[in-house]
Amino acid sequence: QVQLVESGGGLVQTGGSLTLSCVASGIFFRLHDMGWYRQAPGKQRELVAGISSDGITNYVDSVKGRFTISRDNAKSTLFLQMNSLKPDDTADYYCKAYYRPSRVDYWGKGTLVTVSS
């Protein structure tokens, strides 16, 4: 059974920092592309940051220079370091694993990040 479990969300003031974690089980983690997505109330889910199985990263423009995605394949864990947080970063953050050969993806249940002004 595949499980992606996010943690690290919470309430933080503008300018603060949080680190999200996503622990994966039931998949061969190192072979999956991984990503962090977020969904704010009334908005569509969007890709925040992605990291491929070979370590190539990409970010949505609004978080470049503030967020850093990384992975620890030995621990099957994905991270998102978020600095200089803004109220617009408030959302539910979701972890996604994607296996390119079969085009199958898996999602976590999310962790809430709230940035107060």
C-alpha atoms as a PDB file:
ATOM      1  CA  GLN A   1       0.000   0.000   0.000  1.00  0.00           C
ATOM      2  CA  VAL A   2       1.389   3.343  -1.056  1.00  0.00           C
ATOM      3  CA  GLN A   3       1.409   6.108   1.527  1.00  0.00           C
ATOM      4  CA  LEU A   4       2.678   9.674   1.366  1.00  0.00           C
ATOM      5  CA  VAL A   5       2.508  11.430   4.718  1.00  0.00           C
ATOM      6  CA  GLU A   6       3.173  15.155   4.943  1.00  0.00           C
ATOM      7  CA  SER A   7       4.115  17.008   8.097  1.00  0.00           C
ATOM      8  CA  GLY A   8       5.563  20.318   9.188  1.00  0.00           C
ATOM      9  CA  GLY A   9       2.712  22.667   8.426  1.00  0.00           C
ATOM     10  CA  GLY A  10       1.472  25.219  10.893  1.00  0.00           C
ATOM     11  CA  LEU A  11       0.913  28.866  11.657  1.00  0.00           C
ATOM     12  CA  VAL A  12       3.756  31.286  11.043  1.00  0.00           C
ATOM     13  CA  GLN A  13       4.103  35.054  10.788  1.00  0.00           C
ATOM     14  CA  THR A  14       5.022  36.884   7.605  1.00  0.00           C
ATOM     15  CA  GLY A  15       8.732  36.518   6.999  1.00  0.00           C
ATOM     16  CA  GLY A  16       8.963  33.287   8.939  1.00  0.00           C
ATOM     17  CA  SER A  17      10.121  29.861   7.870  1.00  0.00           C
ATOM     18  CA  LEU A  18       8.780  26.324   7.820  1.00  0.00           C
ATOM     19  CA  THR A  19      10.104  23.010   6.591  1.00  0.00           C
ATOM     20  CA  LEU A  20       7.655  20.489   5.193  1.00  0.00           C
ATOM     21  CA  SER A  21       8.432  16.790   5.045  1.00  0.00           C
ATOM     22  CA  CYS A  22       6.813  13.966   3.116  1.00  0.00           C
ATOM     23  CA  VAL A  23       7.637  10.382   4.023  1.00  0.00           C
ATOM     24  CA  ALA A  24       6.853   7.808   1.351  1.00  0.00           C
ATOM     25  CA  SER A  25       6.241   4.108   1.789  1.00  0.00           C
ATOM     26  CA  GLY A  26       5.161   1.360  -0.581  1.00  0.00           C
ATOM     27  CA  ILE A  27       7.056   2.795  -3.550  1.00  0.00           C
ATOM     28  CA  PHE A  28      10.601   2.655  -4.828  1.00  0.00           C
ATOM     29  CA  PHE A  29      11.146   6.270  -3.853  1.00  0.00           C
ATOM     30  CA  ARG A  30      14.365   6.928  -5.750  1.00  0.00           C
ATOM     31  CA  LEU A  31      12.700   6.098  -9.080  1.00  0.00           C
ATOM     32  CA  HIS A  32       9.876   8.611  -8.645  1.00  0.00           C
ATOM     33  CA  ASP A  33       9.724  12.246  -9.597  1.00  0.00           C
ATOM     34  CA  MET A  34       8.450  14.169  -6.585  1.00  0.00           C
ATOM     35  CA  GLY A  35       6.608  17.417  -6.169  1.00  0.00           C
ATOM     36  CA  TRP A  36       5.004  19.801  -3.740  1.00  0.00           C
ATOM     37  CA  TYR A  37       1.656  21.273  -4.725  1.00  0.00           C
ATOM     38  CA  ARG A  38      -0.564  23.706  -2.902  1.00  0.00           C
ATOM     39  CA  GLN A  39      -4.194  24.673  -2.967  1.00  0.00           C
ATOM     40  CA  ALA A  40      -5.537  27.840  -1.418  1.00  0.00           C
ATOM     41  CA  PRO A  41      -9.259  28.280  -0.649  1.00  0.00           C
ATOM     42  CA  GLY A  42     -11.170  28.936  -3.843  1.00  0.00           C
ATOM     43  CA  LYS A  43      -8.144  28.363  -6.053  1.00  0.00           C
ATOM     44  CA  GLN A  44      -6.861  25.529  -8.201  1.00  0.00           C
ATOM     45  CA  ARG A  45      -4.102  23.272  -7.028  1.00  0.00           C
ATOM     46  CA  GLU A  46      -0.737  24.424  -8.376  1.00  0.00           C
ATOM     47  CA  LEU A  47       2.736  22.973  -8.591  1.00  0.00           C
ATOM     48  CA  VAL A  48       5.044  24.778  -6.173  1.00  0.00           C
ATOM     49  CA  ALA A  49       8.260  22.830  -6.678  1.00  0.00           C
ATOM     50  CA  GLY A  50       9.358  19.594  -8.273  1.00  0.00           C
ATOM     51  CA  ILE A  51      12.417  17.391  -8.156  1.00  0.00           C
ATOM     52  CA  SER A  52      13.026  14.626 -10.647  1.00  0.00           C
ATOM     53  CA  SER A  53      14.352  11.181  -9.830  1.00  0.00           C
ATOM     54  CA  ASP A  54      17.773  12.401 -10.942  1.00  0.00           C
ATOM     55  CA  GLY A  55      17.637  15.554  -8.851  1.00  0.00           C
ATOM     56  CA  ILE A  56      16.613  18.237 -11.317  1.00  0.00           C
ATOM     57  CA  THR A  57      14.495  20.902  -9.629  1.00  0.00           C
ATOM     58  CA  ASN A  58      11.939  23.404 -10.810  1.00  0.00           C
ATOM     59  CA  TYR A  59       9.885  26.079  -9.046  1.00  0.00           C
ATOM     60  CA  VAL A  60       6.891  28.247  -9.707  1.00  0.00           C
ATOM     61  CA  ASP A  61       8.052  31.841 -10.178  1.00  0.00           C
ATOM     62  CA  SER A  62       6.348  33.098  -7.023  1.00  0.00           C
ATOM     63  CA  VAL A  63       8.550  30.970  -4.741  1.00  0.00           C
ATOM     64  CA  LYS A  64      11.900  31.150  -6.537  1.00  0.00           C
ATOM     65  CA  GLY A  65      14.619  32.279  -4.182  1.00  0.00           C
ATOM     66  CA  ARG A  66      12.464  31.574  -1.114  1.00  0.00           C
ATOM     67  CA  PHE A  67      11.653  27.842  -1.263  1.00  0.00           C
ATOM     68  CA  THR A  68      14.018  24.897  -1.693  1.00  0.00           C
ATOM     69  CA  ILE A  69      12.948  21.382  -2.553  1.00  0.00           C
ATOM     70  CA  SER A  70      15.171  18.435  -1.719  1.00  0.00           C
ATOM     71  CA  ARG A  71      14.988  14.699  -1.272  1.00  0.00           C
ATOM     72  CA  ASP A  72      16.672  12.037   0.813  1.00  0.00           C
ATOM     73  CA  ASN A  73      16.373   8.806  -1.126  1.00  0.00           C
ATOM     74  CA  ALA A  74      17.854   6.743   1.713  1.00  0.00           C
ATOM     75  CA  LYS A  75      15.008   7.868   3.965  1.00  0.00           C
ATOM     76  CA  SER A  76      12.318   8.016   1.251  1.00  0.00           C
ATOM     77  CA  THR A  77      11.634  11.584   2.306  1.00  0.00           C
ATOM     78  CA  LEU A  78      10.884  14.758   0.402  1.00  0.00           C
ATOM     79  CA  PHE A  79      11.433  18.211   1.897  1.00  0.00           C
ATOM     80  CA  LEU A  80      10.350  21.741   1.208  1.00  0.00           C
ATOM     81  CA  GLN A  81      12.254  24.481   2.991  1.00  0.00           C
ATOM     82  CA  MET A  82      10.141  27.637   2.932  1.00  0.00           C
ATOM     83  CA  ASN A  83      11.668  30.982   3.877  1.00  0.00           C
ATOM     84  CA  SER A  84      10.386  34.550   3.793  1.00  0.00           C
ATOM     85  CA  LEU A  85       6.833  33.311   3.917  1.00  0.00           C
ATOM     86  CA  LYS A  86       4.027  35.574   2.777  1.00  0.00           C
ATOM     87  CA  PRO A  87       0.266  35.524   3.416  1.00  0.00           C
ATOM     88  CA  ASP A  88      -0.178  34.445  -0.229  1.00  0.00           C
ATOM     89  CA  ASP A  89       1.662  31.208   0.638  1.00  0.00           C
ATOM     90  CA  THR A  90      -1.248  30.172   2.852  1.00  0.00           C
ATOM     91  CA  ALA A  91      -2.625  26.894   1.500  1.00  0.00           C
ATOM     92  CA  ASP A  92      -2.874  23.177   1.947  1.00  0.00           C
ATOM     93  CA  TYR A  93       0.413  21.683   0.739  1.00  0.00           C
ATOM     94  CA  TYR A  94       0.423  18.261  -0.889  1.00  0.00           C
ATOM     95  CA  CYS A  95       3.165  15.834  -1.752  1.00  0.00           C
ATOM     96  CA  LYS A  96       3.012  13.930  -5.034  1.00  0.00           C
ATOM     97  CA  ALA A  97       5.034  11.009  -6.344  1.00  0.00           C
ATOM     98  CA  TYR A  98       5.070  10.314 -10.077  1.00  0.00           C
ATOM     99  CA  TYR A  99       6.441   7.264 -11.826  1.00  0.00           C
ATOM    100  CA  ARG A 100       7.108   8.200 -15.438  1.00  0.00           C
ATOM    101  CA  PRO A 101       7.255   4.701 -17.060  1.00  0.00           C
ATOM    102  CA  SER A 102       3.700   3.869 -15.988  1.00  0.00           C
ATOM    103  CA  ARG A 103       2.407   7.457 -15.665  1.00  0.00           C
ATOM    104  CA  VAL A 104       1.055   6.648 -12.220  1.00  0.00           C
ATOM    105  CA  ASP A 105       0.950   9.227  -9.487  1.00  0.00           C
ATOM    106  CA  TYR A 106       0.253   9.136  -5.772  1.00  0.00           C
ATOM    107  CA  TRP A 107      -0.811  11.936  -3.444  1.00  0.00           C
ATOM    108  CA  GLY A 108      -0.585  12.643   0.233  1.00  0.00           C
ATOM    109  CA  LYS A 109      -3.444  14.087   2.256  1.00  0.00           C
ATOM    110  CA  GLY A 110      -1.819  17.448   2.761  1.00  0.00           C
ATOM    111  CA  THR A 111      -0.575  19.705   5.507  1.00  0.00           C
ATOM    112  CA  LEU A 112      -1.904  23.186   6.172  1.00  0.00           C
ATOM    113  CA  VAL A 113       0.370  26.214   6.098  1.00  0.00           C
ATOM    114  CA  THR A 114      -1.048  29.479   7.389  1.00  0.00           C
ATOM    115  CA  VAL A 115       0.940  32.698   7.147  1.00  0.00           C
ATOM    116  CA  SER A 116      -0.400  35.567   9.207  1.00  0.00           C
ATOM    117  CA  SER A 117       0.125  39.190   8.217  1.00  0.00           C
END
